[in-house]
């Protein structure tokens, strides 16, 4: 489900993964089943090859012109199974649904720099060298000298985004990986997609 702000374009990403031999550039037809939710650009989505073998990617813009309208957005490409997603037009976009807290602890969790205490609590190791460098050592007053350092904020934003992205990736592995459906290309795609989205959110809240 994607949410559209009324009369504002929303960009959707279309990925095509295939082992078939295809040209470097394909055009998928994108259709909305609701006239109040339109596909921009004539409904054509250009799919270009990426650096990953068998993976093509394209973008399409959707616009909702009536509040509370819903639609199925269908992507069709000859000789491939069509893909469907749903959209709904809202006056205010709902939150991302991320409901968790994080805290600094005097610990080092290794290369990952964090540890999930539970699904709603993320612990970040202040002793990790990359964090300690900008945060500083805990003083006798129980404070960190670099707690207001913008570089530290940017670093923490990246750690949080990484933790959330791998959290989702773990769920995808449990759902798809056991049957061999999740290969390297998909894994890389899922991770970087989620990491980029979470990084934007965490930067918005943590970095000035």
N, C-alpha and C. Protein backbone atom coordinates (compact mmCIF):
# COMPACT_ATOMS: atom_id res chain seq x y z
N UNK A 1 0.84 -1.19 0.00
CA UNK A 1 0.00 0.00 0.00
C UNK A 1 0.87 1.24 0.00
N UNK A 2 0.63 2.15 -0.94
CA UNK A 2 1.30 3.44 -0.98
C UNK A 2 0.26 4.54 -0.74
N UNK A 3 0.69 5.59 -0.07
CA UNK A 3 -0.19 6.71 0.22
C UNK A 3 0.18 7.89 -0.66
N UNK A 4 -0.83 8.54 -1.22
CA UNK A 4 -0.64 9.70 -2.07
C UNK A 4 -1.20 10.93 -1.38
N UNK A 5 -0.44 12.00 -1.39
CA UNK A 5 -0.97 13.28 -0.94
C UNK A 5 -1.72 13.90 -2.11
N UNK A 6 -2.91 14.40 -1.88
CA UNK A 6 -3.77 14.86 -2.96
C UNK A 6 -3.06 15.88 -3.85
N UNK A 7 -3.14 15.64 -5.16
CA UNK A 7 -2.57 16.51 -6.20
C UNK A 7 -1.05 16.64 -6.14
N UNK A 8 -0.39 15.69 -5.44
CA UNK A 8 1.06 15.66 -5.40
C UNK A 8 1.56 14.36 -6.03
N UNK A 9 2.57 14.47 -6.90
CA UNK A 9 3.10 13.28 -7.53
C UNK A 9 3.81 12.38 -6.53
N UNK A 10 3.65 11.09 -6.71
CA UNK A 10 4.38 10.09 -5.92
C UNK A 10 5.14 9.21 -6.90
N UNK A 11 6.44 9.06 -6.67
CA UNK A 11 7.25 8.22 -7.55
C UNK A 11 7.29 6.80 -7.02
N UNK A 12 6.92 5.87 -7.86
CA UNK A 12 7.00 4.45 -7.53
C UNK A 12 8.14 3.83 -8.33
N UNK A 13 8.86 2.90 -7.71
CA UNK A 13 9.97 2.21 -8.35
C UNK A 13 9.49 0.85 -8.83
N UNK A 14 9.77 0.56 -10.08
CA UNK A 14 9.42 -0.74 -10.65
C UNK A 14 10.70 -1.51 -10.95
N UNK A 15 10.82 -2.69 -10.35
CA UNK A 15 11.99 -3.54 -10.57
C UNK A 15 11.58 -4.78 -11.34
N UNK A 16 12.38 -5.16 -12.31
CA UNK A 16 12.15 -6.38 -13.06
C UNK A 16 13.38 -7.26 -12.91
N UNK A 17 13.17 -8.42 -12.34
CA UNK A 17 14.25 -9.38 -12.17
C UNK A 17 13.96 -10.59 -13.06
N UNK A 18 14.90 -10.93 -13.92
CA UNK A 18 14.65 -12.01 -14.87
C UNK A 18 15.95 -12.70 -15.26
N UNK A 19 15.84 -13.96 -15.59
CA UNK A 19 16.97 -14.71 -16.14
C UNK A 19 16.87 -14.81 -17.66
N UNK A 20 15.81 -14.24 -18.22
CA UNK A 20 15.66 -14.24 -19.67
C UNK A 20 16.60 -13.23 -20.31
N UNK A 21 16.92 -13.46 -21.55
CA UNK A 21 17.71 -12.49 -22.30
C UNK A 21 16.79 -11.38 -22.76
N UNK A 22 17.07 -10.18 -22.32
CA UNK A 22 16.23 -9.04 -22.68
C UNK A 22 17.13 -7.91 -23.17
N UNK A 23 16.50 -6.93 -23.82
CA UNK A 23 17.26 -5.78 -24.30
C UNK A 23 17.63 -4.86 -23.13
N UNK A 24 18.47 -3.89 -23.40
CA UNK A 24 18.91 -2.97 -22.35
C UNK A 24 17.82 -2.03 -21.89
N UNK A 25 16.75 -1.94 -22.67
CA UNK A 25 15.70 -0.97 -22.36
C UNK A 25 14.34 -1.57 -22.72
N UNK A 26 13.48 -1.70 -21.73
CA UNK A 26 12.13 -2.21 -21.95
C UNK A 26 11.13 -1.16 -21.49
N UNK A 27 9.92 -1.22 -22.03
CA UNK A 27 8.88 -0.28 -21.64
C UNK A 27 7.69 -1.06 -21.09
N UNK A 28 7.40 -0.84 -19.81
CA UNK A 28 6.24 -1.46 -19.18
C UNK A 28 5.06 -0.49 -19.23
N UNK A 29 3.86 -1.03 -19.35
CA UNK A 29 2.65 -0.23 -19.34
C UNK A 29 2.06 -0.22 -17.93
N UNK A 30 1.86 0.98 -17.40
CA UNK A 30 1.35 1.13 -16.04
C UNK A 30 -0.09 1.64 -16.13
N UNK A 31 -1.01 0.94 -15.47
CA UNK A 31 -2.44 1.23 -15.58
C UNK A 31 -3.03 1.45 -14.19
N UNK A 32 -3.89 2.46 -14.06
CA UNK A 32 -4.66 2.67 -12.84
C UNK A 32 -6.11 2.29 -13.13
N UNK A 33 -6.75 1.59 -12.19
CA UNK A 33 -8.15 1.21 -12.41
C UNK A 33 -9.13 2.23 -11.85
N UNK A 34 -8.61 3.44 -11.51
CA UNK A 34 -9.45 4.51 -11.00
C UNK A 34 -9.11 5.80 -11.74
N UNK A 35 -10.05 6.42 -12.43
CA UNK A 35 -9.75 7.64 -13.21
C UNK A 35 -9.33 8.83 -12.34
N UNK A 36 -9.62 8.78 -11.03
CA UNK A 36 -9.20 9.86 -10.14
C UNK A 36 -7.77 9.71 -9.63
N UNK A 37 -7.15 8.60 -9.99
CA UNK A 37 -5.74 8.37 -9.67
C UNK A 37 -5.05 8.06 -10.98
N UNK A 38 -4.20 8.97 -11.41
CA UNK A 38 -3.67 8.89 -12.77
C UNK A 38 -2.18 8.55 -12.77
N UNK A 39 -1.78 7.90 -13.86
CA UNK A 39 -0.37 7.59 -14.09
C UNK A 39 0.18 8.63 -15.05
N UNK A 40 1.24 9.33 -14.62
CA UNK A 40 1.81 10.39 -15.45
C UNK A 40 2.68 9.78 -16.56
N UNK A 41 2.99 10.61 -17.54
CA UNK A 41 3.87 10.18 -18.62
C UNK A 41 3.23 9.21 -19.59
N UNK A 42 1.91 9.26 -19.69
CA UNK A 42 1.24 8.37 -20.63
C UNK A 42 1.19 6.92 -20.20
N UNK A 43 1.54 6.65 -18.96
CA UNK A 43 1.47 5.27 -18.47
C UNK A 43 2.63 4.40 -18.90
N UNK A 44 3.69 5.01 -19.43
CA UNK A 44 4.85 4.24 -19.86
C UNK A 44 5.96 4.33 -18.82
N UNK A 45 6.53 3.20 -18.46
CA UNK A 45 7.64 3.15 -17.52
C UNK A 45 8.83 2.50 -18.21
N UNK A 46 9.88 3.27 -18.39
CA UNK A 46 11.09 2.76 -19.06
C UNK A 46 11.94 2.00 -18.05
N UNK A 47 12.21 0.75 -18.35
CA UNK A 47 13.05 -0.09 -17.50
C UNK A 47 14.44 -0.21 -18.14
N UNK A 48 15.44 0.22 -17.41
CA UNK A 48 16.82 0.14 -17.89
C UNK A 48 17.61 -0.87 -17.10
N UNK A 49 18.58 -1.49 -17.75
CA UNK A 49 19.44 -2.43 -17.06
C UNK A 49 20.26 -1.72 -16.00
N UNK A 50 20.52 -2.43 -14.91
CA UNK A 50 21.34 -1.90 -13.82
C UNK A 50 22.70 -2.60 -13.84
N UNK A 51 23.50 -2.31 -12.83
CA UNK A 51 24.81 -2.95 -12.72
C UNK A 51 24.71 -4.40 -12.27
N UNK A 52 23.51 -4.81 -11.84
CA UNK A 52 23.33 -6.18 -11.38
C UNK A 52 22.72 -7.02 -12.50
N UNK A 53 23.33 -8.15 -12.81
CA UNK A 53 22.83 -9.00 -13.90
C UNK A 53 21.37 -9.40 -13.69
N UNK A 54 20.58 -9.26 -14.74
CA UNK A 54 19.19 -9.68 -14.69
C UNK A 54 18.26 -8.75 -13.97
N UNK A 55 18.72 -7.56 -13.60
CA UNK A 55 17.87 -6.63 -12.87
C UNK A 55 17.72 -5.33 -13.66
N UNK A 56 16.45 -4.97 -13.96
CA UNK A 56 16.13 -3.72 -14.62
C UNK A 56 15.29 -2.88 -13.68
N UNK A 57 15.40 -1.57 -13.81
CA UNK A 57 14.72 -0.68 -12.88
C UNK A 57 14.15 0.51 -13.63
N UNK A 58 12.97 0.97 -13.19
CA UNK A 58 12.35 2.15 -13.77
C UNK A 58 11.53 2.90 -12.74
N UNK A 59 11.12 4.11 -13.10
CA UNK A 59 10.32 4.94 -12.20
C UNK A 59 9.05 5.38 -12.91
N UNK A 60 7.98 5.52 -12.13
CA UNK A 60 6.72 6.00 -12.67
C UNK A 60 6.08 6.93 -11.64
N UNK A 61 5.43 7.98 -12.11
CA UNK A 61 4.81 8.95 -11.20
C UNK A 61 3.29 8.77 -11.20
N UNK A 62 2.73 8.77 -9.99
CA UNK A 62 1.30 8.60 -9.79
C UNK A 62 0.76 9.85 -9.10
N UNK A 63 -0.46 10.25 -9.46
CA UNK A 63 -1.06 11.41 -8.81
C UNK A 63 -2.52 11.12 -8.47
N UNK A 64 -2.88 11.42 -7.22
CA UNK A 64 -4.27 11.26 -6.77
C UNK A 64 -4.98 12.60 -6.79
N UNK A 65 -6.16 12.65 -7.40
CA UNK A 65 -6.87 13.92 -7.59
C UNK A 65 -8.17 14.02 -6.82
N UNK A 66 -8.44 13.02 -5.97
CA UNK A 66 -9.66 13.03 -5.17
C UNK A 66 -9.38 12.34 -3.85
N UNK A 67 -9.71 13.01 -2.74
CA UNK A 67 -9.45 12.43 -1.43
C UNK A 67 -10.18 11.11 -1.22
N UNK A 68 -9.53 10.23 -0.51
CA UNK A 68 -10.06 8.93 -0.08
C UNK A 68 -10.27 7.95 -1.24
N UNK A 69 -9.83 8.31 -2.43
CA UNK A 69 -9.94 7.38 -3.55
C UNK A 69 -8.86 6.30 -3.45
N UNK A 70 -9.19 5.11 -3.91
CA UNK A 70 -8.25 3.99 -3.90
C UNK A 70 -8.11 3.45 -5.33
N UNK A 71 -6.98 2.84 -5.58
CA UNK A 71 -6.78 2.26 -6.90
C UNK A 71 -5.77 1.13 -6.85
N UNK A 72 -5.91 0.24 -7.81
CA UNK A 72 -4.86 -0.74 -8.08
C UNK A 72 -4.00 -0.19 -9.21
N UNK A 73 -2.70 -0.21 -9.01
CA UNK A 73 -1.77 0.20 -10.05
C UNK A 73 -1.14 -1.08 -10.60
N UNK A 74 -1.35 -1.30 -11.89
CA UNK A 74 -0.94 -2.55 -12.52
C UNK A 74 0.19 -2.28 -13.51
N UNK A 75 1.25 -3.06 -13.41
CA UNK A 75 2.37 -2.96 -14.34
C UNK A 75 2.34 -4.18 -15.26
N UNK A 76 2.27 -3.92 -16.57
CA UNK A 76 2.21 -5.01 -17.54
C UNK A 76 3.39 -4.93 -18.50
N UNK A 77 3.96 -6.09 -18.77
CA UNK A 77 5.06 -6.20 -19.72
C UNK A 77 4.93 -7.54 -20.43
N UNK A 78 4.97 -7.48 -21.73
CA UNK A 78 4.74 -8.68 -22.53
C UNK A 78 5.71 -9.80 -22.14
N UNK A 79 5.16 -11.00 -22.00
CA UNK A 79 5.90 -12.22 -21.66
C UNK A 79 6.31 -12.29 -20.19
N UNK A 80 5.79 -11.37 -19.37
CA UNK A 80 6.07 -11.41 -17.94
C UNK A 80 4.75 -11.34 -17.17
N UNK A 81 4.76 -11.91 -15.97
CA UNK A 81 3.60 -11.81 -15.10
C UNK A 81 3.43 -10.37 -14.64
N UNK A 82 2.20 -9.86 -14.68
CA UNK A 82 1.98 -8.47 -14.29
C UNK A 82 2.11 -8.31 -12.77
N UNK A 83 2.41 -7.09 -12.35
CA UNK A 83 2.58 -6.77 -10.92
C UNK A 83 1.51 -5.76 -10.52
N UNK A 84 1.05 -5.87 -9.27
CA UNK A 84 -0.02 -4.99 -8.79
C UNK A 84 0.37 -4.42 -7.42
N UNK A 85 0.11 -3.13 -7.23
CA UNK A 85 0.20 -2.53 -5.91
C UNK A 85 -1.02 -1.65 -5.70
N UNK A 86 -1.26 -1.24 -4.47
CA UNK A 86 -2.44 -0.44 -4.15
C UNK A 86 -2.03 0.94 -3.66
N UNK A 87 -2.85 1.94 -4.00
CA UNK A 87 -2.61 3.30 -3.54
C UNK A 87 -3.91 3.88 -2.99
N UNK A 88 -3.77 4.83 -2.07
CA UNK A 88 -4.92 5.52 -1.52
C UNK A 88 -4.55 6.99 -1.33
N UNK A 89 -5.49 7.88 -1.59
CA UNK A 89 -5.24 9.32 -1.52
C UNK A 89 -5.61 9.83 -0.13
N UNK A 90 -4.66 10.50 0.53
CA UNK A 90 -4.85 11.02 1.87
C UNK A 90 -4.54 12.51 1.89
N UNK A 91 -5.18 13.21 2.83
CA UNK A 91 -4.84 14.61 3.01
C UNK A 91 -3.52 14.74 3.76
N UNK A 92 -3.33 13.86 4.75
CA UNK A 92 -2.08 13.79 5.49
C UNK A 92 -1.54 12.37 5.40
N UNK A 93 -0.27 12.27 5.05
CA UNK A 93 0.34 10.96 4.90
C UNK A 93 0.57 10.35 6.27
N UNK A 94 0.16 9.08 6.48
CA UNK A 94 0.41 8.43 7.77
C UNK A 94 1.90 8.32 8.06
N UNK A 95 2.24 8.15 9.32
CA UNK A 95 3.64 7.99 9.69
C UNK A 95 4.17 6.68 9.14
N UNK A 96 5.49 6.56 9.20
CA UNK A 96 6.14 5.37 8.65
C UNK A 96 5.81 4.11 9.45
N UNK A 97 5.26 4.28 10.65
CA UNK A 97 4.94 3.11 11.46
C UNK A 97 6.12 2.61 12.28
N UNK A 98 7.24 3.33 12.23
CA UNK A 98 8.40 2.94 13.01
C UNK A 98 8.18 3.38 14.45
N UNK A 99 8.07 2.43 15.35
CA UNK A 99 7.78 2.75 16.74
C UNK A 99 8.82 2.06 17.62
N UNK A 100 9.93 2.75 17.89
CA UNK A 100 10.96 2.17 18.71
C UNK A 100 11.78 3.30 19.33
N UNK A 101 12.59 2.95 20.31
CA UNK A 101 13.50 3.90 20.93
C UNK A 101 14.91 3.34 20.87
N UNK A 102 15.90 4.20 21.06
CA UNK A 102 17.28 3.75 21.11
C UNK A 102 18.00 4.41 22.26
N UNK A 103 19.05 3.76 22.73
CA UNK A 103 19.84 4.34 23.81
C UNK A 103 21.31 3.98 23.63
N UNK A 104 22.18 4.88 24.09
CA UNK A 104 23.61 4.62 24.10
C UNK A 104 23.97 3.79 25.32
N UNK A 105 24.82 2.79 25.13
CA UNK A 105 25.29 1.99 26.25
C UNK A 105 26.80 1.87 26.15
N UNK A 106 27.46 1.78 27.30
CA UNK A 106 28.91 1.61 27.33
C UNK A 106 29.25 0.16 27.01
N UNK A 107 29.23 -0.13 25.72
CA UNK A 107 29.47 -1.49 25.24
C UNK A 107 29.94 -1.41 23.81
N UNK A 108 30.50 -2.51 23.31
CA UNK A 108 30.93 -2.60 21.92
C UNK A 108 30.37 -3.89 21.34
N UNK A 109 29.48 -3.77 20.38
CA UNK A 109 28.82 -4.94 19.81
C UNK A 109 29.50 -5.42 18.53
N UNK A 110 30.72 -4.97 18.31
CA UNK A 110 31.45 -5.42 17.13
C UNK A 110 31.16 -4.56 15.92
N UNK A 111 31.30 -5.15 14.75
CA UNK A 111 31.18 -4.38 13.51
C UNK A 111 29.79 -3.82 13.29
N UNK A 112 28.74 -4.44 13.86
CA UNK A 112 27.38 -3.96 13.62
C UNK A 112 27.06 -2.72 14.44
N UNK A 113 27.78 -2.51 15.56
CA UNK A 113 27.65 -1.30 16.38
C UNK A 113 26.35 -1.19 17.17
N UNK A 114 25.48 -2.18 17.06
CA UNK A 114 24.19 -2.10 17.75
C UNK A 114 23.70 -3.48 18.13
N UNK A 115 22.68 -3.50 18.97
CA UNK A 115 22.05 -4.76 19.39
C UNK A 115 20.59 -4.48 19.70
N UNK A 116 19.70 -5.32 19.17
CA UNK A 116 18.28 -5.19 19.48
C UNK A 116 18.01 -5.84 20.84
N UNK A 117 17.62 -5.02 21.81
CA UNK A 117 17.25 -5.55 23.12
C UNK A 117 15.92 -6.28 23.02
N UNK A 118 15.01 -5.71 22.26
CA UNK A 118 13.72 -6.30 21.91
C UNK A 118 13.25 -5.57 20.65
N UNK A 119 12.11 -5.94 20.05
CA UNK A 119 11.69 -5.30 18.80
C UNK A 119 11.49 -3.80 18.89
N UNK A 120 11.46 -3.25 20.10
CA UNK A 120 11.17 -1.83 20.25
C UNK A 120 12.31 -1.05 20.93
N UNK A 121 13.42 -1.72 21.21
CA UNK A 121 14.54 -1.06 21.88
C UNK A 121 15.85 -1.42 21.18
N UNK A 122 16.53 -0.41 20.67
CA UNK A 122 17.81 -0.59 20.00
C UNK A 122 18.92 -0.01 20.88
N UNK A 123 19.91 -0.83 21.19
CA UNK A 123 21.05 -0.36 21.95
C UNK A 123 22.22 -0.10 21.01
N UNK A 124 22.87 1.06 21.18
CA UNK A 124 23.99 1.44 20.33
C UNK A 124 25.25 1.49 21.18
N UNK A 125 26.28 0.77 20.75
CA UNK A 125 27.51 0.66 21.53
C UNK A 125 28.39 1.89 21.45
N UNK A 126 28.44 2.64 22.55
CA UNK A 126 29.24 3.87 22.58
C UNK A 126 30.74 3.58 22.52
N UNK A 127 31.16 2.34 22.84
CA UNK A 127 32.58 2.00 22.84
C UNK A 127 33.11 1.68 21.45
N UNK A 128 32.23 1.53 20.49
CA UNK A 128 32.73 1.23 19.14
C UNK A 128 33.61 2.40 18.67
N UNK A 129 34.79 2.12 18.09
CA UNK A 129 35.73 3.20 17.72
C UNK A 129 35.12 4.28 16.83
N UNK A 130 34.27 3.89 15.89
CA UNK A 130 33.70 4.88 14.97
C UNK A 130 32.73 5.82 15.67
N UNK A 131 32.13 5.36 16.77
CA UNK A 131 31.21 6.20 17.55
C UNK A 131 31.98 6.99 18.62
N UNK A 132 32.90 6.28 19.30
CA UNK A 132 33.67 6.93 20.36
C UNK A 132 34.46 8.12 19.82
N UNK A 133 34.91 8.03 18.59
CA UNK A 133 35.73 9.09 17.99
C UNK A 133 35.04 10.45 18.05
N UNK A 134 33.72 10.47 17.82
CA UNK A 134 32.99 11.73 17.79
C UNK A 134 32.18 11.99 19.07
N UNK A 135 31.86 10.91 19.77
CA UNK A 135 31.06 11.04 20.99
C UNK A 135 31.93 11.40 22.19
N UNK A 136 33.13 10.83 22.25
CA UNK A 136 34.00 11.03 23.40
C UNK A 136 33.70 10.06 24.52
N UNK A 137 34.52 10.13 25.56
CA UNK A 137 34.35 9.24 26.71
C UNK A 137 33.33 9.81 27.69
N UNK A 138 32.64 8.92 28.33
CA UNK A 138 31.65 9.32 29.32
C UNK A 138 32.35 9.99 30.51
N UNK A 139 31.88 11.17 30.87
CA UNK A 139 32.50 11.91 31.97
C UNK A 139 31.95 11.43 33.32
N UNK A 140 32.57 11.92 34.40
CA UNK A 140 32.10 11.56 35.74
C UNK A 140 30.69 12.07 36.00
N UNK A 141 30.32 13.11 35.27
CA UNK A 141 28.95 13.65 35.43
C UNK A 141 27.93 12.86 34.63
N UNK A 142 28.40 11.81 33.93
CA UNK A 142 27.48 10.99 33.15
C UNK A 142 27.08 11.60 31.82
N UNK A 143 27.98 12.44 31.25
CA UNK A 143 27.68 13.08 29.98
C UNK A 143 28.77 12.75 28.95
N UNK A 144 28.38 12.88 27.67
CA UNK A 144 29.34 12.68 26.58
C UNK A 144 29.69 14.04 25.99
N UNK A 145 30.98 14.37 25.84
CA UNK A 145 31.38 15.68 25.32
C UNK A 145 30.88 15.94 23.90
N UNK A 146 30.74 14.89 23.10
CA UNK A 146 30.36 15.10 21.69
C UNK A 146 28.91 14.82 21.39
N UNK A 147 28.06 14.81 22.44
CA UNK A 147 26.67 14.42 22.23
C UNK A 147 25.93 15.37 21.29
N UNK A 148 26.41 16.62 21.17
CA UNK A 148 25.77 17.58 20.26
C UNK A 148 26.56 17.78 18.97
N UNK A 149 27.55 16.94 18.74
CA UNK A 149 28.37 17.03 17.52
C UNK A 149 27.54 16.60 16.32
N UNK A 150 27.39 17.46 15.30
CA UNK A 150 26.60 17.10 14.11
C UNK A 150 27.10 15.84 13.41
N UNK A 151 28.42 15.63 13.43
CA UNK A 151 28.98 14.42 12.80
C UNK A 151 28.52 13.18 13.55
N UNK A 152 28.47 13.27 14.87
CA UNK A 152 27.96 12.15 15.68
C UNK A 152 26.50 11.88 15.34
N UNK A 153 25.70 12.93 15.20
CA UNK A 153 24.29 12.76 14.85
C UNK A 153 24.13 12.05 13.50
N UNK A 154 24.96 12.46 12.54
CA UNK A 154 24.90 11.83 11.21
C UNK A 154 25.28 10.36 11.29
N UNK A 155 26.28 10.05 12.11
CA UNK A 155 26.73 8.67 12.28
C UNK A 155 25.64 7.82 12.93
N UNK A 156 25.01 8.34 13.97
CA UNK A 156 23.95 7.60 14.65
C UNK A 156 22.77 7.37 13.71
N UNK A 157 22.48 8.36 12.86
CA UNK A 157 21.40 8.20 11.88
C UNK A 157 21.69 7.02 10.96
N UNK A 158 22.94 6.87 10.56
CA UNK A 158 23.31 5.76 9.69
C UNK A 158 23.22 4.41 10.42
N UNK A 159 23.62 4.39 11.68
CA UNK A 159 23.55 3.15 12.47
C UNK A 159 22.10 2.71 12.63
N UNK A 160 21.21 3.66 12.93
CA UNK A 160 19.80 3.33 13.10
C UNK A 160 19.20 2.83 11.78
N UNK A 161 19.52 3.51 10.69
CA UNK A 161 19.01 3.09 9.37
C UNK A 161 19.49 1.69 9.03
N UNK A 162 20.76 1.41 9.33
CA UNK A 162 21.31 0.08 9.07
C UNK A 162 20.59 -0.99 9.88
N UNK A 163 20.36 -0.69 11.17
CA UNK A 163 19.70 -1.64 12.05
C UNK A 163 18.28 -1.96 11.55
N UNK A 164 17.56 -0.95 11.15
CA UNK A 164 16.19 -1.15 10.67
C UNK A 164 16.18 -1.89 9.34
N UNK A 165 17.11 -1.54 8.45
CA UNK A 165 17.16 -2.21 7.14
C UNK A 165 17.45 -3.70 7.30
N UNK A 166 18.41 -4.05 8.17
CA UNK A 166 18.72 -5.46 8.37
C UNK A 166 17.60 -6.18 9.12
N UNK A 167 16.87 -5.45 9.94
CA UNK A 167 15.72 -6.04 10.62
C UNK A 167 14.69 -6.51 9.60
N UNK A 168 14.42 -5.67 8.61
CA UNK A 168 13.47 -6.04 7.55
C UNK A 168 14.05 -7.14 6.67
N UNK A 169 15.36 -7.05 6.39
CA UNK A 169 16.00 -8.07 5.56
C UNK A 169 15.92 -9.44 6.22
N UNK A 170 16.06 -9.48 7.53
CA UNK A 170 15.92 -10.75 8.25
C UNK A 170 14.53 -11.34 8.06
N UNK A 171 13.51 -10.48 8.11
CA UNK A 171 12.14 -10.96 7.90
C UNK A 171 11.97 -11.49 6.48
N UNK A 172 12.59 -10.81 5.50
CA UNK A 172 12.50 -11.29 4.12
C UNK A 172 13.19 -12.63 3.94
N UNK A 173 14.32 -12.83 4.63
CA UNK A 173 15.01 -14.11 4.55
C UNK A 173 14.15 -15.23 5.12
N UNK A 174 13.49 -14.95 6.25
CA UNK A 174 12.66 -15.97 6.86
C UNK A 174 11.48 -16.33 5.96
N UNK A 175 11.02 -15.33 5.21
CA UNK A 175 9.85 -15.55 4.36
C UNK A 175 10.23 -16.17 3.02
N UNK A 176 11.36 -15.73 2.43
CA UNK A 176 11.71 -16.16 1.08
C UNK A 176 13.00 -16.96 1.00
N UNK A 177 13.94 -16.68 1.88
CA UNK A 177 15.27 -17.26 1.75
C UNK A 177 15.32 -18.75 1.98
N UNK A 178 14.43 -19.28 2.81
CA UNK A 178 14.48 -20.70 3.14
C UNK A 178 14.27 -21.58 1.92
N UNK A 179 13.52 -21.09 0.97
CA UNK A 179 13.24 -21.88 -0.23
C UNK A 179 14.15 -21.49 -1.39
N UNK A 180 15.21 -20.75 -1.11
CA UNK A 180 16.15 -20.40 -2.15
C UNK A 180 15.68 -19.31 -3.09
N UNK A 181 14.64 -18.56 -2.68
CA UNK A 181 14.09 -17.54 -3.57
C UNK A 181 14.80 -16.20 -3.41
N UNK A 182 15.60 -16.05 -2.36
CA UNK A 182 16.24 -14.77 -2.10
C UNK A 182 17.72 -14.91 -2.40
N UNK A 183 18.14 -14.44 -3.57
CA UNK A 183 19.54 -14.52 -3.96
C UNK A 183 20.27 -13.22 -3.66
N UNK A 184 21.53 -13.13 -4.07
CA UNK A 184 22.33 -11.95 -3.73
C UNK A 184 21.74 -10.67 -4.30
N UNK A 185 21.28 -10.73 -5.56
CA UNK A 185 20.75 -9.53 -6.19
C UNK A 185 19.56 -8.99 -5.43
N UNK A 186 18.65 -9.88 -5.06
CA UNK A 186 17.47 -9.46 -4.29
C UNK A 186 17.87 -8.93 -2.92
N UNK A 187 18.81 -9.62 -2.29
CA UNK A 187 19.27 -9.19 -0.97
C UNK A 187 19.86 -7.79 -1.02
N UNK A 188 20.72 -7.57 -1.99
CA UNK A 188 21.34 -6.26 -2.14
C UNK A 188 20.29 -5.18 -2.42
N UNK A 189 19.34 -5.51 -3.27
CA UNK A 189 18.28 -4.57 -3.61
C UNK A 189 17.44 -4.22 -2.38
N UNK A 190 17.01 -5.23 -1.63
CA UNK A 190 16.19 -5.00 -0.45
C UNK A 190 16.93 -4.15 0.57
N UNK A 191 18.19 -4.52 0.82
CA UNK A 191 18.93 -3.80 1.86
C UNK A 191 19.11 -2.32 1.50
N UNK A 192 19.60 -2.05 0.30
CA UNK A 192 19.88 -0.65 -0.06
C UNK A 192 18.59 0.16 -0.21
N UNK A 193 17.52 -0.48 -0.63
CA UNK A 193 16.24 0.23 -0.71
C UNK A 193 15.76 0.65 0.68
N UNK A 194 15.76 -0.31 1.61
CA UNK A 194 15.29 0.00 2.96
C UNK A 194 16.26 0.95 3.67
N UNK A 195 17.56 0.72 3.48
CA UNK A 195 18.55 1.59 4.13
C UNK A 195 18.38 3.04 3.68
N UNK A 196 18.18 3.25 2.40
CA UNK A 196 18.01 4.61 1.88
C UNK A 196 16.78 5.28 2.46
N UNK A 197 15.67 4.53 2.56
CA UNK A 197 14.44 5.10 3.09
C UNK A 197 14.58 5.45 4.57
N UNK A 198 15.15 4.52 5.35
CA UNK A 198 15.30 4.77 6.78
C UNK A 198 16.34 5.86 7.04
N UNK A 199 17.35 5.95 6.18
CA UNK A 199 18.37 6.98 6.37
C UNK A 199 17.76 8.36 6.20
N UNK A 200 16.86 8.51 5.24
CA UNK A 200 16.19 9.79 5.05
C UNK A 200 15.38 10.17 6.29
N UNK A 201 14.70 9.17 6.86
CA UNK A 201 13.87 9.43 8.05
C UNK A 201 14.75 9.79 9.24
N UNK A 202 15.79 9.00 9.48
CA UNK A 202 16.63 9.24 10.65
C UNK A 202 17.42 10.54 10.52
N UNK A 203 17.87 10.88 9.30
CA UNK A 203 18.54 12.15 9.11
C UNK A 203 17.60 13.32 9.39
N UNK A 204 16.36 13.15 9.00
CA UNK A 204 15.37 14.22 9.21
C UNK A 204 15.21 14.53 10.70
N UNK A 205 15.28 13.49 11.54
CA UNK A 205 15.03 13.69 12.96
C UNK A 205 16.30 13.93 13.77
N UNK A 206 17.45 13.49 13.26
CA UNK A 206 18.66 13.55 14.06
C UNK A 206 19.70 14.54 13.57
N UNK A 207 19.65 14.90 12.28
CA UNK A 207 20.69 15.75 11.70
C UNK A 207 20.11 17.09 11.30
N UNK A 208 20.70 18.18 11.73
CA UNK A 208 20.23 19.51 11.37
C UNK A 208 20.64 19.86 9.95
